[in-house]
Amino acid sequence: MKFGSGPREFTTTHWSLIAAVRENDEDKSDARRALEELCRAYWYPLYAFARHRGGSVEDAQDLTQAFLARFIETGGFTSARRQRGRFRSYLLGAFKHFLANDWHRARTLKRGGGAGILEWDALEPEARYALEPRADGDPDALFDRDWARELTARALATLRSDAETAGRTRLFLALQGSLTGTEIDRAEVARELAMSEGAVKVAIHRLRQRYRDCLRNEIARTVEDASEVDDEMRHLVAVIRNS
């Protein structure tokens, strides 16, 4: 019983697309869409970073909204050097600069005003933040933790979507614990799904392989070069282990 498709081909990454457009100003529309998608995908680590630094709910929302609006409007390059590094690191560095220099102006914006990059009521960021364990550590390390959690959640969502499309939702739900370190009862799963234990073992292997592919695809969106994916994967694993 196969689970999902094979590894997806890496296309031009979102971050490398943005870099290429910086060098060739003929058409910025594709790069802007790529940057908007990245920012919408990974807004939460920024919001949580502002909260970890002691900001109120309203301040964190205003600052994150204002920062992302300006970041997108300027293409993310107002103070960038040619070699920016990974999107994760660059985004946090730019946000720190913004907090240090522009928060007064950002606080004058009305909630939900400006460019309206995020719809806070739909996202319920504070409800999500309240579910996190109390964190007294380094905000930079907590940002990496939230980034890793966001990335893995997106990979899992892709896996579930693929399973639903293929009509294998029950199989995915039965096996997903094997992706997060939970030891599942393979004999019980085999009985419930009318599979042999050998078939369950193969399905777990394929699911884990597909999960790694999904993680790599998520990471590939945020680096300039495919050679950086392995380093980011190692960083992701280290962050998750230390969380």
Foldseek 3Di string as FASTA:
>chain_A
DAAFDDFDDADQALVQVLLVCVVPVPDCPSNLVSLLVVCVLQLLLQLLLCVLVPDDNVLSQLLSVVLSLVCSVVSVPPPDDSCQFWQLVSVVVSSVVCVVPPSVVSVVDDRCDDPNSDDCVVVVSVVVSVPDDDDNDDSVLSSLLSRLVSLLVVLLVVSCVRCVVVVNNVLCVQQVVLQVPDDHDLVVSCVVVVHDSVVNVVNNVNSNNSSVSSSLNSRRNTGNDSVCSVVVVVVSVVSVVVD
